[in-house]
Amino acid sequence: MKTHSRSRAVRTPGGLSVRLDPRALTVVVLLLVAACAAGVALIGTGDAKIPAADVLRTLAGNGTAYQDFIVNELRLPRVLVGLLVGACLGLGGALFQSISRNPLGSPDVLGLSQGSTAGALTVIVLLSGSASQVTAGALAGGLATGLAVYLLAWKQGVHGYRMVLVGIGVNAVMTAVNGYLLTKADLVDATRAVVWMTGSLGGRDWDQVWPLLTLCAVLVPLVLVNARGLRMMEMGDDISHALGVRVQWVRALLMIGAVLLTAAATAAAGPVSFVALTAPQLARRLTRSPGPNLVPSLCMGATLLVAADWASQRAFGADQLPVGVVTGVLGGAYLLWLLVTERRAGRI
């Protein structure tokens, strides 16, 4: 028999009531520790290996000039981008799966990653744009695709399975558009596009850290504050309406937040696949808690991406295997397992 930890309501001095689940809180703390440990290990990995103790000493400002350059200028930005991208994908995936009430309702399946890729490819192939323009193109492509999915799925409201089916169709269209754009590119642009489409943290610097950090600082609190009705929405729109939840308003607001998070992550690191699909699923299995599990999913996404990048460098050497390949292989295997499990349970 499964046992569920008892939730506790904590009231802040300002009168805000917060429900705390001890098991979920423990999972979040352990995931944060694992993410930090993986980040330290990743910083120390490369052609110039640095022990973990020296990495921590350098981060505290007590390293040598050589260690300071390697750690703070070359490797720390890559790790921070990995943590932020993973967090964005984990939180975005949890929002999409909760809104659609479907474990397959992730940005990978709904076409948002392909939409961001189409925006980036348009800038690379047709405009020969700079790195910042490619980032802007990916962000615009993700937003446009998210809007298209929402509008096409609208019929007196947006319902989960309809949104997933529309997203699968949009994903197929965007995949075809991306293939067409690649056929129109010259060799140099095509090579650049394929590298970006793989999903990689290689070459990331502080120019990618600050915009992504700013966006997360704005979006993550906004999403968490407005996600109070998300748990009730999982019981159905009619019950949520009866409980006073403005269902369509909350759904639209949270979907916009999820689209922005996913598009920003894709713009920063390329379309890193399956993190948004697997992170919420694994977080829910660890917490054993119903509901969206937004914060555990965020922490799980950050841990998964940095751990995958560390594994790729340890196994194949620095920059020989992009992190998107690792997440694609592991996430594809997980997706097959999930489909078999859902089929046996009679849900698909």
Protein backbone atom coordinates (compact mmCIF):
# COMPACT_ATOMS: atom_id res chain seq x y z
CA MET A 1 0.00 0.00 0.00
CA LYS A 2 1.30 3.44 -0.93
CA THR A 3 1.56 6.03 1.77
CA HIS A 4 1.29 9.73 1.10
CA SER A 5 2.98 12.34 3.24
CA ARG A 6 0.64 14.64 5.06
CA SER A 7 0.59 18.23 3.73
CA ARG A 8 0.83 21.13 6.14
CA ALA A 9 -0.58 24.61 5.71
CA VAL A 10 1.77 27.43 6.74
CA ARG A 11 0.48 30.97 7.09
CA THR A 12 2.93 33.81 6.47
CA PRO A 13 2.90 37.11 8.43
CA GLY A 14 1.26 38.78 5.42
CA GLY A 15 -1.72 36.43 5.62
CA LEU A 16 -0.71 34.18 2.68
CA SER A 17 -1.38 30.49 3.26
CA VAL A 18 1.14 28.07 1.73
CA ARG A 19 0.66 24.31 1.63
CA LEU A 20 3.85 22.36 2.28
CA ASP A 21 4.35 18.69 1.51
CA PRO A 22 7.30 17.35 3.56
CA ARG A 23 8.16 14.66 1.02
CA ALA A 24 8.03 17.09 -1.91
CA LEU A 25 10.15 19.57 0.04
CA THR A 26 12.72 16.85 0.72
CA VAL A 27 12.78 15.92 -2.97
CA VAL A 28 13.33 19.57 -3.94
CA VAL A 29 16.23 19.94 -1.51
CA LEU A 30 17.87 16.72 -2.71
CA LEU A 31 17.46 17.72 -6.36
CA LEU A 32 19.01 21.13 -5.68
CA VAL A 33 21.98 19.44 -4.00
CA ALA A 34 22.30 17.03 -6.94
CA ALA A 35 22.13 19.90 -9.45
CA CYS A 36 24.84 21.83 -7.62
CA ALA A 37 27.03 18.73 -7.34
CA ALA A 38 26.62 17.98 -11.05
CA GLY A 39 27.43 21.63 -11.83
CA VAL A 40 30.65 21.51 -9.79
CA ALA A 41 31.63 18.22 -11.45
CA LEU A 42 30.90 19.70 -14.90
CA ILE A 43 33.02 22.78 -14.19
CA GLY A 44 35.93 20.52 -13.27
CA THR A 45 35.55 18.39 -16.41
CA GLY A 46 37.44 19.12 -19.61
CA ASP A 47 40.93 19.20 -21.10
CA ALA A 48 42.13 21.06 -18.00
CA LYS A 49 40.72 18.99 -15.15
CA ILE A 50 40.13 20.81 -11.86
CA PRO A 51 39.34 18.95 -8.61
CA ALA A 52 35.99 19.73 -6.99
CA ALA A 53 37.68 21.30 -3.94
CA ASP A 54 39.59 23.71 -6.20
CA VAL A 55 36.40 24.52 -8.12
CA LEU A 56 34.63 25.46 -4.89
CA ARG A 57 37.64 27.46 -3.71
CA THR A 58 37.75 29.35 -7.01
CA LEU A 59 34.01 30.06 -6.94
CA ALA A 60 34.55 31.53 -3.47
CA GLY A 61 37.20 33.86 -4.91
CA ASN A 62 40.29 32.07 -3.57
CA GLY A 63 41.60 30.37 -6.71
CA THR A 64 44.64 31.14 -8.80
CA ALA A 65 44.43 33.45 -11.82
CA TYR A 66 44.54 30.42 -14.11
CA GLN A 67 41.75 28.64 -12.21
CA ASP A 68 39.70 31.83 -12.06
CA PHE A 69 39.84 32.19 -15.85
CA ILE A 70 38.95 28.54 -16.51
CA VAL A 71 36.18 28.35 -13.92
CA ASN A 72 34.52 31.77 -13.96
CA GLU A 73 35.04 32.83 -17.57
CA LEU A 74 34.96 29.60 -19.58
CA ARG A 75 32.96 26.96 -17.71
CA LEU A 76 30.66 28.63 -15.18
CA PRO A 77 28.50 30.35 -17.86
CA ARG A 78 27.95 27.00 -19.58
CA VAL A 79 26.82 25.39 -16.32
CA LEU A 80 24.52 28.30 -15.47
CA VAL A 81 22.93 28.19 -18.93
CA GLY A 82 22.44 24.43 -18.49
CA LEU A 83 20.78 24.89 -15.10
CA LEU A 84 18.51 27.68 -16.35
CA VAL A 85 17.58 25.90 -19.59
CA GLY A 86 16.81 22.69 -17.72
CA ALA A 87 14.73 24.59 -15.16
CA CYS A 88 12.76 26.36 -17.92
CA LEU A 89 12.09 23.10 -19.76
CA GLY A 90 11.11 21.25 -16.57
CA LEU A 91 8.69 23.96 -15.46
CA GLY A 92 7.31 24.49 -18.98
CA GLY A 93 6.76 20.77 -19.41
CA ALA A 94 4.95 20.51 -16.06
CA LEU A 95 2.66 23.37 -17.03
CA PHE A 96 1.80 21.87 -20.42
CA GLN A 97 1.15 18.42 -18.97
CA SER A 98 -1.05 19.84 -16.24
CA ILE A 99 -2.98 22.13 -18.60
CA SER A 100 -3.56 19.34 -21.13
CA ARG A 101 -4.08 16.71 -18.40
CA ASN A 102 -1.98 14.42 -20.55
CA PRO A 103 1.51 12.98 -19.81
CA LEU A 104 2.39 13.48 -23.50
CA GLY A 105 1.52 17.20 -23.42
CA SER A 106 5.08 18.49 -23.59
CA PRO A 107 6.69 21.13 -25.85
CA ASP A 108 8.43 18.36 -27.80
CA VAL A 109 5.10 16.83 -28.77
CA LEU A 110 3.10 20.06 -29.15
CA GLY A 111 5.47 21.50 -31.77
CA LEU A 112 6.91 24.39 -29.77
CA SER A 113 10.49 23.17 -30.04
CA GLN A 114 10.11 22.74 -33.80
CA GLY A 115 8.50 26.18 -34.00
CA SER A 116 11.46 27.76 -32.23
CA THR A 117 13.76 25.83 -34.55
CA ALA A 118 11.87 27.18 -37.57
CA GLY A 119 12.33 30.73 -36.31
CA ALA A 120 16.05 30.21 -35.79
CA LEU A 121 16.49 28.50 -39.18
CA THR A 122 14.68 31.36 -40.91
CA VAL A 123 17.22 33.80 -39.48
CA ILE A 124 20.20 31.55 -40.24
CA VAL A 125 19.23 30.48 -43.76
CA LEU A 126 17.34 33.44 -45.16
CA LEU A 127 18.91 36.34 -43.28
CA SER A 128 22.38 35.02 -42.33
CA GLY A 129 21.78 36.62 -38.95
CA SER A 130 24.07 36.97 -35.97
CA ALA A 131 23.86 34.86 -32.81
CA SER A 132 21.61 37.41 -31.08
CA GLN A 133 19.32 37.52 -34.12
CA VAL A 134 19.11 33.71 -34.13
CA THR A 135 18.08 33.85 -30.48
CA ALA A 136 15.39 36.42 -31.26
CA GLY A 137 14.19 34.33 -34.19
CA ALA A 138 13.90 31.22 -32.03
CA LEU A 139 11.95 33.13 -29.40
CA ALA A 140 9.58 34.60 -32.02
CA GLY A 141 9.09 31.19 -33.67
CA GLY A 142 8.20 29.54 -30.36
CA LEU A 143 5.72 32.28 -29.46
CA ALA A 144 4.05 32.16 -32.88
CA THR A 145 3.76 28.36 -32.73
CA GLY A 146 2.31 28.45 -29.22
CA LEU A 147 -0.28 31.02 -30.31
CA ALA A 148 -1.17 28.90 -33.34
CA VAL A 149 -1.66 25.76 -31.23
CA TYR A 150 -3.84 27.65 -28.76
CA LEU A 151 -6.04 29.24 -31.43
CA LEU A 152 -6.42 26.04 -33.45
CA ALA A 153 -7.32 24.08 -30.31
CA TRP A 154 -9.89 26.66 -29.19
CA LYS A 155 -13.52 25.58 -29.32
CA GLN A 156 -15.48 27.14 -26.48
CA GLY A 157 -12.29 26.76 -24.49
CA VAL A 158 -9.11 24.71 -24.82
CA HIS A 159 -9.25 21.07 -23.77
CA GLY A 160 -6.33 18.75 -23.17
CA TYR A 161 -6.61 16.04 -25.81
CA ARG A 162 -7.64 18.51 -28.50
CA MET A 163 -4.56 20.60 -27.76
CA VAL A 164 -2.30 17.53 -27.92
CA LEU A 165 -3.78 16.42 -31.26
CA VAL A 166 -3.44 19.93 -32.71
CA GLY A 167 0.10 20.13 -31.36
CA ILE A 168 1.07 16.87 -33.05
CA GLY A 169 -0.20 18.25 -36.36
CA VAL A 170 1.61 21.56 -35.90
CA ASN A 171 4.76 19.65 -34.97
CA ALA A 172 4.60 17.72 -38.25
CA VAL A 173 4.11 20.94 -40.24
CA MET A 174 7.01 22.68 -38.49
CA THR A 175 9.25 19.65 -39.07
CA ALA A 176 8.48 19.86 -42.79
CA VAL A 177 9.18 23.61 -42.81
CA ASN A 178 12.53 23.03 -41.13
CA GLY A 179 13.45 20.39 -43.68
CA TYR A 180 12.57 22.78 -46.51
CA LEU A 181 14.67 25.57 -45.00
CA LEU A 182 17.66 23.24 -44.74
CA THR A 183 17.39 22.35 -48.42
CA LYS A 184 17.57 26.06 -49.28
CA ALA A 185 20.69 26.72 -47.20
CA ASP A 186 24.23 26.80 -48.54
CA LEU A 187 26.80 24.47 -47.03
CA VAL A 188 28.08 26.89 -44.37
CA ASP A 189 24.61 27.92 -43.20
CA ALA A 190 23.36 24.32 -43.29
CA THR A 191 26.26 23.18 -41.11
CA ARG A 192 25.62 26.02 -38.66
CA ALA A 193 21.90 25.19 -38.60
CA VAL A 194 22.43 21.47 -37.97
CA VAL A 195 24.77 22.21 -35.06
CA TRP A 196 22.18 24.53 -33.53
CA MET A 197 19.35 22.04 -34.11
CA THR A 198 21.19 19.33 -32.18
CA GLY A 199 20.91 21.21 -28.90
CA SER A 200 24.19 22.04 -27.22
CA LEU A 201 25.67 24.01 -24.34
CA GLY A 202 29.04 24.36 -26.06
CA GLY A 203 30.37 27.89 -26.40
CA ARG A 204 27.81 29.44 -24.08
CA ASP A 205 29.01 32.56 -22.25
CA TRP A 206 27.67 35.33 -20.05
CA ASP A 207 25.82 36.86 -23.01
CA GLN A 208 23.38 33.93 -22.83
CA VAL A 209 23.26 33.82 -19.01
CA TRP A 210 21.96 37.29 -18.21
CA PRO A 211 18.91 37.43 -20.55
CA LEU A 212 17.84 33.93 -19.52
CA LEU A 213 18.34 34.68 -15.83
CA THR A 214 16.31 37.89 -16.13
CA LEU A 215 13.47 36.11 -17.90
CA CYS A 216 13.41 33.33 -15.28
CA ALA A 217 13.43 35.89 -12.46
CA VAL A 218 10.26 37.41 -13.93
CA LEU A 219 8.40 34.36 -15.26
CA VAL A 220 8.99 31.74 -12.57
CA PRO A 221 7.46 33.76 -9.68
CA LEU A 222 4.64 34.93 -11.97
CA VAL A 223 3.80 31.35 -12.93
CA LEU A 224 4.01 30.01 -9.38
CA VAL A 225 1.80 32.78 -7.98
CA ASN A 226 -0.89 32.22 -10.62
CA ALA A 227 -0.75 28.43 -10.53
CA ARG A 228 -2.95 28.14 -7.45
CA GLY A 229 -5.94 27.07 -9.52
CA LEU A 230 -3.97 24.58 -11.59
CA ARG A 231 -4.57 21.70 -9.18
CA MET A 232 -8.32 22.36 -9.16
CA MET A 233 -8.36 22.58 -12.97
CA GLU A 234 -7.11 18.98 -13.12
CA MET A 235 -10.51 17.94 -11.68
CA GLY A 236 -12.26 19.40 -14.74
CA ASP A 237 -13.45 22.77 -15.95
CA ASP A 238 -16.95 22.53 -14.48
CA ILE A 239 -15.72 21.80 -10.95
CA SER A 240 -13.07 24.51 -11.27
CA HIS A 241 -15.70 27.06 -12.33
CA ALA A 242 -17.82 26.06 -9.37
CA LEU A 243 -14.86 26.62 -7.06
CA GLY A 244 -14.35 30.13 -8.43
CA VAL A 245 -11.41 29.53 -10.76
CA ARG A 246 -11.35 31.66 -13.92
CA VAL A 247 -10.41 28.62 -15.97
CA GLN A 248 -9.76 30.09 -19.42
CA TRP A 249 -7.92 33.10 -18.01
CA VAL A 250 -5.66 30.95 -15.80
CA ARG A 251 -5.10 28.45 -18.62
CA ALA A 252 -4.18 31.17 -21.13
CA LEU A 253 -1.87 32.96 -18.69
CA LEU A 254 -0.03 29.80 -17.67
CA MET A 255 0.23 28.59 -21.25
CA ILE A 256 1.79 31.91 -22.27
CA GLY A 257 4.27 31.49 -19.43
CA ALA A 258 5.04 27.91 -20.51
CA VAL A 259 5.54 28.99 -24.13
CA LEU A 260 7.89 31.80 -23.10
CA LEU A 261 9.91 29.49 -20.86
CA THR A 262 10.23 26.85 -23.58
CA ALA A 263 11.06 29.35 -26.32
CA ALA A 264 13.68 31.07 -24.17
CA ALA A 265 15.31 27.73 -23.33
CA THR A 266 15.36 26.73 -26.99
CA ALA A 267 16.77 30.11 -27.99
CA ALA A 268 19.60 29.75 -25.46
CA ALA A 269 20.66 26.14 -26.13
CA GLY A 270 18.80 24.90 -29.19
CA PRO A 271 15.99 22.32 -29.13
CA VAL A 272 17.19 20.06 -26.29
CA SER A 273 14.74 17.21 -26.55
CA PHE A 274 12.73 15.25 -23.98
CA VAL A 275 13.76 17.14 -20.83
CA ALA A 276 10.37 18.88 -20.76
CA LEU A 277 8.66 15.50 -21.17
CA THR A 278 10.60 13.44 -18.63
CA ALA A 279 11.35 15.94 -15.84
CA PRO A 280 7.72 16.39 -14.65
CA GLN A 281 7.09 12.64 -14.85
CA LEU A 282 10.16 11.78 -12.78
CA ALA A 283 9.44 14.55 -10.28
CA ARG A 284 5.91 13.26 -9.75
CA ARG A 285 7.17 9.73 -9.20
CA LEU A 286 9.64 10.95 -6.59
CA THR A 287 7.21 13.18 -4.69
CA ARG A 288 4.28 10.75 -5.01
CA SER A 289 2.12 13.83 -4.90
CA PRO A 290 -0.82 14.62 -7.19
CA GLY A 291 -1.02 17.92 -8.94
CA PRO A 292 1.39 19.79 -11.20
CA ASN A 293 4.53 19.52 -8.99
CA LEU A 294 5.92 22.70 -10.53
CA VAL A 295 8.90 23.36 -8.25
CA PRO A 296 10.08 19.69 -8.18
CA SER A 297 9.79 19.60 -11.99
CA LEU A 298 11.86 22.78 -12.27
CA CYS A 299 14.59 21.30 -10.08
CA MET A 300 14.46 17.95 -11.87
CA GLY A 301 14.87 19.62 -15.27
CA ALA A 302 17.95 21.54 -14.11
CA THR A 303 19.49 18.40 -12.61
CA LEU A 304 18.79 16.25 -15.68
CA LEU A 305 20.30 18.67 -18.19
CA VAL A 306 23.51 19.38 -16.27
CA ALA A 307 23.96 15.70 -15.42
CA ALA A 308 23.45 14.78 -19.11
CA ASP A 309 26.04 17.37 -20.17
CA TRP A 310 28.50 16.05 -17.61
CA ALA A 311 27.88 12.46 -18.78
CA SER A 312 28.43 13.42 -22.42
CA GLN A 313 31.77 15.05 -21.63
CA ARG A 314 32.95 12.24 -19.38
CA ALA A 315 32.05 9.57 -21.93
CA PHE A 316 33.06 11.28 -25.17
CA GLY A 317 35.28 14.24 -24.26
CA ALA A 318 34.49 17.93 -24.25
CA ASP A 319 32.19 19.08 -27.08
CA GLN A 320 32.33 15.76 -28.96
CA LEU A 321 28.74 14.84 -28.16
CA PRO A 322 26.15 17.63 -27.73
CA VAL A 323 23.88 17.32 -24.74
CA GLY A 324 20.83 17.18 -27.03
CA VAL A 325 21.98 13.79 -28.33
CA VAL A 326 22.20 12.37 -24.81
CA THR A 327 18.79 13.68 -23.74
CA GLY A 328 17.32 12.48 -27.04
CA VAL A 329 18.53 8.90 -26.55
CA LEU A 330 17.50 8.70 -22.89
CA GLY A 331 14.25 10.58 -23.40
CA GLY A 332 13.29 8.47 -26.42
CA ALA A 333 13.71 5.30 -24.38
CA TYR A 334 11.61 6.83 -21.59
CA LEU A 335 8.89 7.84 -24.08
CA LEU A 336 8.64 4.28 -25.39
CA TRP A 337 8.35 2.99 -21.82
CA LEU A 338 5.69 5.61 -21.03
CA LEU A 339 3.64 4.70 -24.12
CA VAL A 340 3.73 1.01 -23.23
CA THR A 341 2.72 1.79 -19.64
CA GLU A 342 -0.13 4.08 -20.71
CA ARG A 343 -1.36 1.48 -23.21
CA ARG A 344 -1.38 -1.28 -20.62
CA ALA A 345 -3.32 0.96 -18.27
CA GLY A 346 -5.90 1.54 -21.04
CA ARG A 347 -5.37 5.30 -21.17
CA ILE A 348 -4.28 5.36 -24.84
